[in-house]
Structures are given as structure tokens and as C-alpha cells.
Amino acid sequence: MPTRLFLVRHGATELTAEDRFSGATDVPLSDEGRKQVANLAERLANEQIDAVYASPMGRTVETARILAKPHAAEVRVDSALREIDYGHWEGKTRAEVEAQYGEEYENWQEDPLTIAPREGESGVHVLARALPVVRRIVEQHQHGSVLVVCHKGTNRLLISSLLGFDARGYRDRLDQSPAALNILDFVSPVRARLRLFNDVSHYEGVPDRTFSQRLSRWWSPRG
């Protein structure tokens, strides 16, 4: 039997709604975020979950505790699962970053995997700390089911790497909605199959096809 990983993004925060860079900024869930996570907790209540892990940020720990409660599971915190640190962009909207740091932002847009904002992290940095932790979790819970609560960027990078995709396009081609559920099955710590991706059917219906600036500028409408 494969090892199952329920990989979840934390619920919405006030900064999520404002579309600000907030990787290293510690903010709690919003009321909307708590409702999203409560719906997911109800959805997963009858699943076998042997362990729960989370990034140390307030929004991820709160999400993990809500999800762990029906299973009477302890939340194990690992700092390597935290979100990308956006350095001196933290707390700013995308429009503000483009206006104030135009050249730096353009370079990062071209290759966020290897290029980092000043005082921040690249995607490579995130993978270097987070991927070994996921592999260790899979090794420690062979043939079991584990819940891991992370962040938008971290989840997208992990999924890209685990599936062997070119992670340079992770921001353009992969999305992670608040309280989204992903399911990966592992036959070994390095061989994974994606069974479910970015699913939010516990609080939304079928996603529409309108463009969203929040995914990346690559998805902006073109005239």
C-alpha cells in the first residue's frame, strides 16, 4: 500500500485577500479562512490520518490544529516547511513591488526558481529545505497517511519537484487556493503520483475560467 500525503495550503488570511507578498509575515487566519478549513476538516474527518505536520507560521499551525482535532492528532511543527521569504517585498502588493523594484521584479518573474528578491529566497532555497523533510516524513510513515500543512509557493514547488516538472514555471502553471487539498501517493520517498490537485470542493463548486492577476502576470488578459 502506498504512503498517502494530504498536502494542504493554509486557509485565507487578510493579506491573502489583499494579494500581498507575505511569505515570512506571520498573520492569523481570517474568519473566512477558518470557515474554509472547518469545511475541509469535516471532509477529512473519516480519513485515516496517522500524523499531522505544519510550517511554524501562525496561519499554518492554526489550520493544522483545526484539521487534526477530529483525529486527536498532535501537530508537529517543522520550520523547513515555511513559505518563501520575499525579503524586502514582504507586506507589499504586487503593484507596489512592480512600481518600486521594477527591474528586480522583472528578473524574478522570468525565473523565480533561481532568482530571489533582495534579502529573500529563491525557489531553489525553499526546495533545499522543504523537500528533504517531505521525504523524511514519507519514510517515517510508510504505508500510512499523513497530513502536511504548508503554503502556496512551498506546495507548488514541492509538487513540481516530486512529479519531475520544470519548476521554473511553478508560479505560472500551478495554483494553490486557500485551504486547497492535494493528495499524493508514494511508492517510495522519491516516487510519487498526484491523485488530487488544488481541490476546494469543500467550499466552492467548479472553478470558473476567468483570468486572475493573483496567479501571475502570465495569466493576465491579453488584448
C-alpha atoms as a PDB file:
ATOM      1  CA  MET A   1       0.000   0.000   0.000  1.00  0.00           C
ATOM      2  CA  PRO A   2       1.436   3.415  -0.898  1.00  0.00           C
ATOM      3  CA  THR A   3       2.045   6.145   1.635  1.00  0.00           C
ATOM      4  CA  ARG A   4      -0.585   8.857   1.244  1.00  0.00           C
ATOM      5  CA  LEU A   5       0.252  12.532   1.728  1.00  0.00           C
ATOM      6  CA  PHE A   6      -2.570  15.019   2.215  1.00  0.00           C
ATOM      7  CA  LEU A   7      -0.802  18.273   1.299  1.00  0.00           C
ATOM      8  CA  VAL A   8      -2.854  21.318   2.290  1.00  0.00           C
ATOM      9  CA  ARG A   9      -2.430  25.049   1.919  1.00  0.00           C
ATOM     10  CA  HIS A  10      -3.482  27.111   4.942  1.00  0.00           C
ATOM     11  CA  GLY A  11      -6.808  28.946   4.865  1.00  0.00           C
ATOM     12  CA  ALA A  12      -7.260  32.548   3.813  1.00  0.00           C
ATOM     13  CA  THR A  13      -5.821  35.499   5.743  1.00  0.00           C
ATOM     14  CA  GLU A  14      -6.456  39.221   5.480  1.00  0.00           C
ATOM     15  CA  LEU A  15      -3.238  39.540   3.462  1.00  0.00           C
ATOM     16  CA  THR A  16      -4.429  36.811   1.083  1.00  0.00           C
ATOM     17  CA  ALA A  17      -7.414  38.982   0.206  1.00  0.00           C
ATOM     18  CA  GLU A  18      -5.136  41.993  -0.357  1.00  0.00           C
ATOM     19  CA  ASP A  19      -2.760  39.954  -2.581  1.00  0.00           C
ATOM     20  CA  ARG A  20       0.354  40.992  -0.660  1.00  0.00           C
ATOM     21  CA  PHE A  21       3.696  39.234  -0.515  1.00  0.00           C
ATOM     22  CA  SER A  22       3.537  37.699   2.941  1.00  0.00           C
ATOM     23  CA  GLY A  23       5.740  34.614   2.975  1.00  0.00           C
ATOM     24  CA  ALA A  24       7.667  35.444   6.142  1.00  0.00           C
ATOM     25  CA  THR A  25       4.978  37.694   7.635  1.00  0.00           C
ATOM     26  CA  ASP A  26       3.159  35.917  10.464  1.00  0.00           C
ATOM     27  CA  VAL A  27      -0.587  36.526  10.234  1.00  0.00           C
ATOM     28  CA  PRO A  28      -3.561  34.523  11.577  1.00  0.00           C
ATOM     29  CA  LEU A  29      -6.372  33.042   9.546  1.00  0.00           C
ATOM     30  CA  SER A  30      -9.252  35.335   8.706  1.00  0.00           C
ATOM     31  CA  ASP A  31     -12.816  34.367   9.609  1.00  0.00           C
ATOM     32  CA  GLU A  32     -13.247  33.234   6.015  1.00  0.00           C
ATOM     33  CA  GLY A  33     -10.096  31.143   6.292  1.00  0.00           C
ATOM     34  CA  ARG A  34     -11.351  29.411   9.443  1.00  0.00           C
ATOM     35  CA  LYS A  35     -14.611  28.513   7.690  1.00  0.00           C
ATOM     36  CA  GLN A  36     -12.706  27.104   4.717  1.00  0.00           C
ATOM     37  CA  VAL A  37     -10.545  24.962   6.985  1.00  0.00           C
ATOM     38  CA  ALA A  38     -13.520  23.814   9.086  1.00  0.00           C
ATOM     39  CA  ASN A  39     -15.169  22.576   5.896  1.00  0.00           C
ATOM     40  CA  LEU A  40     -12.007  20.697   4.972  1.00  0.00           C
ATOM     41  CA  ALA A  41     -11.783  19.214   8.477  1.00  0.00           C
ATOM     42  CA  GLU A  42     -15.311  17.840   8.076  1.00  0.00           C
ATOM     43  CA  ARG A  43     -14.385  16.422   4.684  1.00  0.00           C
ATOM     44  CA  LEU A  44     -11.316  14.626   6.087  1.00  0.00           C
ATOM     45  CA  ALA A  45     -12.868  13.563   9.382  1.00  0.00           C
ATOM     46  CA  ASN A  46     -13.355   9.941   8.304  1.00  0.00           C
ATOM     47  CA  GLU A  47      -9.988   9.578   6.597  1.00  0.00           C
ATOM     48  CA  GLN A  48      -7.145   7.684   8.233  1.00  0.00           C
ATOM     49  CA  ILE A  49      -4.563  10.272   9.281  1.00  0.00           C
ATOM     50  CA  ASP A  50      -1.610   8.953  11.257  1.00  0.00           C
ATOM     51  CA  ALA A  51       0.307  12.197  11.778  1.00  0.00           C
ATOM     52  CA  VAL A  52      -0.023  15.934  11.176  1.00  0.00           C
ATOM     53  CA  TYR A  53       2.855  18.268  10.289  1.00  0.00           C
ATOM     54  CA  ALA A  54       2.879  22.020   9.714  1.00  0.00           C
ATOM     55  CA  SER A  55       5.012  25.022   8.953  1.00  0.00           C
ATOM     56  CA  PRO A  56       5.598  27.111  12.117  1.00  0.00           C
ATOM     57  CA  MET A  57       3.671  30.162  10.873  1.00  0.00           C
ATOM     58  CA  GLY A  58       0.511  31.076  12.772  1.00  0.00           C
ATOM     59  CA  ARG A  59      -1.770  30.546   9.781  1.00  0.00           C
ATOM     60  CA  THR A  60      -0.442  27.052   9.102  1.00  0.00           C
ATOM     61  CA  VAL A  61      -0.409  25.918  12.730  1.00  0.00           C
ATOM     62  CA  GLU A  62      -3.985  27.143  13.209  1.00  0.00           C
ATOM     63  CA  THR A  63      -5.051  25.328  10.033  1.00  0.00           C
ATOM     64  CA  ALA A  64      -3.299  22.144  11.146  1.00  0.00           C
ATOM     65  CA  ARG A  65      -4.889  22.204  14.612  1.00  0.00           C
ATOM     66  CA  ILE A  66      -8.382  22.508  13.142  1.00  0.00           C
ATOM     67  CA  LEU A  67      -7.704  19.630  10.754  1.00  0.00           C
ATOM     68  CA  ALA A  68      -6.027  17.475  13.431  1.00  0.00           C
ATOM     69  CA  LYS A  69      -8.806  17.810  16.012  1.00  0.00           C
ATOM     70  CA  PRO A  70     -11.165  15.104  14.616  1.00  0.00           C
ATOM     71  CA  HIS A  71      -8.223  12.681  14.660  1.00  0.00           C
ATOM     72  CA  ALA A  72      -6.947  13.641  18.131  1.00  0.00           C
ATOM     73  CA  ALA A  73      -3.553  14.138  16.494  1.00  0.00           C
ATOM     74  CA  GLU A  74      -0.674  16.266  17.722  1.00  0.00           C
ATOM     75  CA  VAL A  75       0.593  18.924  15.318  1.00  0.00           C
ATOM     76  CA  ARG A  76       4.313  18.519  14.669  1.00  0.00           C
ATOM     77  CA  VAL A  77       5.962  21.768  13.574  1.00  0.00           C
ATOM     78  CA  ASP A  78       8.941  21.874  11.222  1.00  0.00           C
ATOM     79  CA  SER A  79      10.477  25.224  10.255  1.00  0.00           C
ATOM     80  CA  ALA A  80      11.724  23.823   6.927  1.00  0.00           C
ATOM     81  CA  LEU A  81       8.114  23.757   5.690  1.00  0.00           C
ATOM     82  CA  ARG A  82       7.681  27.531   5.925  1.00  0.00           C
ATOM     83  CA  GLU A  83       6.826  29.758   2.963  1.00  0.00           C
ATOM     84  CA  ILE A  84       9.248  31.586   0.676  1.00  0.00           C
ATOM     85  CA  ASP A  85      10.762  34.637   2.336  1.00  0.00           C
ATOM     86  CA  TYR A  86      10.178  37.550  -0.043  1.00  0.00           C
ATOM     87  CA  GLY A  87      12.776  39.746   1.625  1.00  0.00           C
ATOM     88  CA  HIS A  88      12.226  43.471   1.185  1.00  0.00           C
ATOM     89  CA  TRP A  89       8.996  42.822  -0.745  1.00  0.00           C
ATOM     90  CA  GLU A  90       7.261  41.486   2.363  1.00  0.00           C
ATOM     91  CA  GLY A  91       3.958  43.210   3.096  1.00  0.00           C
ATOM     92  CA  LYS A  92       3.807  44.990  -0.270  1.00  0.00           C
ATOM     93  CA  THR A  93       1.244  44.393  -3.007  1.00  0.00           C
ATOM     94  CA  ARG A  94       2.387  43.166  -6.398  1.00  0.00           C
ATOM     95  CA  ALA A  95       1.598  46.585  -7.898  1.00  0.00           C
ATOM     96  CA  GLU A  96       3.788  48.285  -5.286  1.00  0.00           C
ATOM     97  CA  VAL A  97       6.674  45.886  -5.936  1.00  0.00           C
ATOM     98  CA  GLU A  98       6.438  46.412  -9.697  1.00  0.00           C
ATOM     99  CA  ALA A  99       6.434  50.184  -9.234  1.00  0.00           C
ATOM    100  CA  GLN A 100       9.269  50.341  -6.679  1.00  0.00           C
ATOM    101  CA  TYR A 101      11.532  47.493  -7.805  1.00  0.00           C
ATOM    102  CA  GLY A 102      10.696  47.134 -11.476  1.00  0.00           C
ATOM    103  CA  GLU A 103      13.925  45.583 -12.777  1.00  0.00           C
ATOM    104  CA  GLU A 104      14.287  43.215  -9.845  1.00  0.00           C
ATOM    105  CA  TYR A 105      10.666  42.112 -10.232  1.00  0.00           C
ATOM    106  CA  GLU A 106      11.077  41.523 -13.973  1.00  0.00           C
ATOM    107  CA  ASN A 107      14.142  39.325 -13.396  1.00  0.00           C
ATOM    108  CA  TRP A 108      12.320  37.338 -10.723  1.00  0.00           C
ATOM    109  CA  GLN A 109       9.269  36.900 -12.955  1.00  0.00           C
ATOM    110  CA  GLU A 110      11.499  35.293 -15.600  1.00  0.00           C
ATOM    111  CA  ASP A 111      12.981  32.706 -13.232  1.00  0.00           C
ATOM    112  CA  PRO A 112      11.614  32.601  -9.664  1.00  0.00           C
ATOM    113  CA  LEU A 113      13.227  29.198  -9.205  1.00  0.00           C
ATOM    114  CA  THR A 114      16.788  30.545  -9.097  1.00  0.00           C
ATOM    115  CA  ILE A 115      16.342  34.305  -8.605  1.00  0.00           C
ATOM    116  CA  ALA A 116      15.367  35.783  -5.231  1.00  0.00           C
ATOM    117  CA  PRO A 117      14.252  39.232  -4.080  1.00  0.00           C
ATOM    118  CA  ARG A 118      16.917  41.084  -2.128  1.00  0.00           C
ATOM    119  CA  GLU A 119      17.166  39.584   1.394  1.00  0.00           C
ATOM    120  CA  GLY A 120      14.723  36.858   0.336  1.00  0.00           C
ATOM    121  CA  GLU A 121      14.709  33.302  -1.002  1.00  0.00           C
ATOM    122  CA  SER A 122      14.566  31.665  -4.405  1.00  0.00           C
ATOM    123  CA  GLY A 123      12.562  28.556  -5.167  1.00  0.00           C
ATOM    124  CA  VAL A 124      15.785  26.538  -5.022  1.00  0.00           C
ATOM    125  CA  HIS A 125      16.326  27.660  -1.425  1.00  0.00           C
ATOM    126  CA  VAL A 126      12.821  26.536  -0.481  1.00  0.00           C
ATOM    127  CA  LEU A 127      13.200  23.131  -2.107  1.00  0.00           C
ATOM    128  CA  ALA A 128      16.576  22.610  -0.456  1.00  0.00           C
ATOM    129  CA  ARG A 129      14.966  22.804   2.993  1.00  0.00           C
ATOM    130  CA  ALA A 130      11.423  21.511   2.390  1.00  0.00           C
ATOM    131  CA  LEU A 131      11.925  18.548   0.063  1.00  0.00           C
ATOM    132  CA  PRO A 132      14.170  16.542   2.435  1.00  0.00           C
ATOM    133  CA  VAL A 133      11.554  16.983   5.177  1.00  0.00           C
ATOM    134  CA  VAL A 134       8.762  15.605   2.979  1.00  0.00           C
ATOM    135  CA  ARG A 135      10.922  12.632   2.040  1.00  0.00           C
ATOM    136  CA  ARG A 136      11.703  12.003   5.700  1.00  0.00           C
ATOM    137  CA  ILE A 137       8.006  12.165   6.584  1.00  0.00           C
ATOM    138  CA  VAL A 138       7.201   9.618   3.880  1.00  0.00           C
ATOM    139  CA  GLU A 139       9.970   7.327   5.147  1.00  0.00           C
ATOM    140  CA  GLN A 140       8.754   7.564   8.743  1.00  0.00           C
ATOM    141  CA  HIS A 141       5.123   6.805   7.882  1.00  0.00           C
ATOM    142  CA  GLN A 142       5.432   4.085   5.264  1.00  0.00           C
ATOM    143  CA  HIS A 143       2.045   2.683   4.175  1.00  0.00           C
ATOM    144  CA  GLY A 144       0.275   5.248   6.341  1.00  0.00           C
ATOM    145  CA  SER A 145      -1.468   8.571   5.715  1.00  0.00           C
ATOM    146  CA  VAL A 146      -0.004  11.919   6.729  1.00  0.00           C
ATOM    147  CA  LEU A 147      -1.357  15.469   6.651  1.00  0.00           C
ATOM    148  CA  VAL A 148       1.095  18.290   5.918  1.00  0.00           C
ATOM    149  CA  VAL A 149       0.020  21.950   6.041  1.00  0.00           C
ATOM    150  CA  CYS A 150       2.210  24.354   4.082  1.00  0.00           C
ATOM    151  CA  HIS A 151       1.926  27.422   1.888  1.00  0.00           C
ATOM    152  CA  LYS A 152       1.085  28.412  -1.674  1.00  0.00           C
ATOM    153  CA  GLY A 153       4.622  28.711  -3.007  1.00  0.00           C
ATOM    154  CA  THR A 154       6.058  25.840  -0.976  1.00  0.00           C
ATOM    155  CA  ASN A 155       3.310  23.461  -2.107  1.00  0.00           C
ATOM    156  CA  ARG A 156       3.730  24.367  -5.768  1.00  0.00           C
ATOM    157  CA  LEU A 157       7.490  23.896  -5.625  1.00  0.00           C
ATOM    158  CA  LEU A 158       7.181  20.569  -3.820  1.00  0.00           C
ATOM    159  CA  ILE A 159       4.629  19.220  -6.278  1.00  0.00           C
ATOM    160  CA  SER A 160       6.727  20.346  -9.261  1.00  0.00           C
ATOM    161  CA  SER A 161       9.817  18.644  -7.888  1.00  0.00           C
ATOM    162  CA  LEU A 162       8.100  15.442  -6.742  1.00  0.00           C
ATOM    163  CA  LEU A 163       6.472  14.969 -10.149  1.00  0.00           C
ATOM    164  CA  GLY A 164       9.600  15.848 -12.120  1.00  0.00           C
ATOM    165  CA  PHE A 165       8.189  19.025 -13.709  1.00  0.00           C
ATOM    166  CA  ASP A 166      10.266  22.062 -14.664  1.00  0.00           C
ATOM    167  CA  ALA A 167       9.822  24.124 -11.510  1.00  0.00           C
ATOM    168  CA  ARG A 168      10.730  27.386 -13.265  1.00  0.00           C
ATOM    169  CA  GLY A 169       7.080  27.687 -14.288  1.00  0.00           C
ATOM    170  CA  TYR A 170       5.582  26.858 -10.897  1.00  0.00           C
ATOM    171  CA  ARG A 171       4.046  30.302 -10.396  1.00  0.00           C
ATOM    172  CA  ASP A 172       2.539  30.481 -13.882  1.00  0.00           C
ATOM    173  CA  ARG A 173       1.213  26.954 -14.304  1.00  0.00           C
ATOM    174  CA  LEU A 174       0.235  25.792 -10.816  1.00  0.00           C
ATOM    175  CA  ASP A 175      -2.177  27.402  -8.373  1.00  0.00           C
ATOM    176  CA  GLN A 176      -2.969  26.764  -4.715  1.00  0.00           C
ATOM    177  CA  SER A 177      -6.179  28.248  -3.390  1.00  0.00           C
ATOM    178  CA  PRO A 178      -6.647  28.875   0.341  1.00  0.00           C
ATOM    179  CA  ALA A 179      -7.364  25.598   2.195  1.00  0.00           C
ATOM    180  CA  ALA A 180      -6.749  23.643  -1.027  1.00  0.00           C
ATOM    181  CA  LEU A 181      -6.322  19.875  -0.775  1.00  0.00           C
ATOM    182  CA  ASN A 182      -3.707  17.949  -2.750  1.00  0.00           C
ATOM    183  CA  ILE A 183      -3.238  14.190  -2.459  1.00  0.00           C
ATOM    184  CA  LEU A 184      -0.036  12.395  -3.422  1.00  0.00           C
ATOM    185  CA  ASP A 185       0.619   8.673  -3.121  1.00  0.00           C
ATOM    186  CA  PHE A 186       4.216   7.489  -2.678  1.00  0.00           C
ATOM    187  CA  VAL A 187       5.535   4.037  -3.535  1.00  0.00           C
ATOM    188  CA  SER A 188       8.914   5.280  -2.263  1.00  0.00           C
ATOM    189  CA  PRO A 189      10.157   8.616  -0.884  1.00  0.00           C
ATOM    190  CA  VAL A 190      11.160   9.691  -4.407  1.00  0.00           C
ATOM    191  CA  ARG A 191       8.336   8.142  -6.474  1.00  0.00           C
ATOM    192  CA  ALA A 192       5.039   9.994  -6.169  1.00  0.00           C
ATOM    193  CA  ARG A 193       1.761  10.074  -8.065  1.00  0.00           C
ATOM    194  CA  LEU A 194      -0.566  13.074  -7.879  1.00  0.00           C
ATOM    195  CA  ARG A 195      -4.115  11.904  -7.154  1.00  0.00           C
ATOM    196  CA  LEU A 196      -5.809  15.239  -6.432  1.00  0.00           C
ATOM    197  CA  PHE A 197      -4.670  18.814  -7.023  1.00  0.00           C
ATOM    198  CA  ASN A 198      -5.804  22.198  -5.663  1.00  0.00           C
ATOM    199  CA  ASP A 199      -9.224  20.870  -4.744  1.00  0.00           C
ATOM    200  CA  VAL A 200     -11.557  23.266  -2.910  1.00  0.00           C
ATOM    201  CA  SER A 201     -14.858  21.470  -3.496  1.00  0.00           C
ATOM    202  CA  HIS A 202     -15.402  21.539   0.281  1.00  0.00           C
ATOM    203  CA  TYR A 203     -16.191  25.241  -0.017  1.00  0.00           C
ATOM    204  CA  GLU A 204     -16.533  26.030  -3.744  1.00  0.00           C
ATOM    205  CA  GLY A 205     -18.030  24.461  -6.817  1.00  0.00           C
ATOM    206  CA  VAL A 206     -16.306  24.046 -10.172  1.00  0.00           C
ATOM    207  CA  PRO A 207     -13.774  26.874 -10.653  1.00  0.00           C
ATOM    208  CA  ASP A 208     -14.638  29.407 -13.326  1.00  0.00           C
ATOM    209  CA  ARG A 209     -12.401  30.227 -16.263  1.00  0.00           C
ATOM    210  CA  THR A 210     -11.922  33.924 -15.614  1.00  0.00           C
ATOM    211  CA  PHE A 211      -8.360  35.194 -15.534  1.00  0.00           C
ATOM    212  CA  SER A 212      -6.782  36.015 -12.186  1.00  0.00           C
ATOM    213  CA  GLN A 213      -3.984  38.516 -11.639  1.00  0.00           C
ATOM    214  CA  ARG A 214      -3.232  36.734  -8.375  1.00  0.00           C
ATOM    215  CA  LEU A 215      -1.889  33.636 -10.093  1.00  0.00           C
ATOM    216  CA  SER A 216       0.799  35.508 -12.047  1.00  0.00           C
ATOM    217  CA  ARG A 217       1.131  38.179 -14.686  1.00  0.00           C
ATOM    218  CA  TRP A 218       1.482  35.337 -17.232  1.00  0.00           C
ATOM    219  CA  TRP A 219      -2.296  34.781 -16.803  1.00  0.00           C
ATOM    220  CA  SER A 220      -3.227  38.444 -17.304  1.00  0.00           C
ATOM    221  CA  PRO A 221      -5.776  39.071 -20.049  1.00  0.00           C
ATOM    222  CA  ARG A 222      -4.249  39.946 -23.384  1.00  0.00           C
ATOM    223  CA  GLY A 223      -5.921  42.253 -25.831  1.00  0.00           C
END
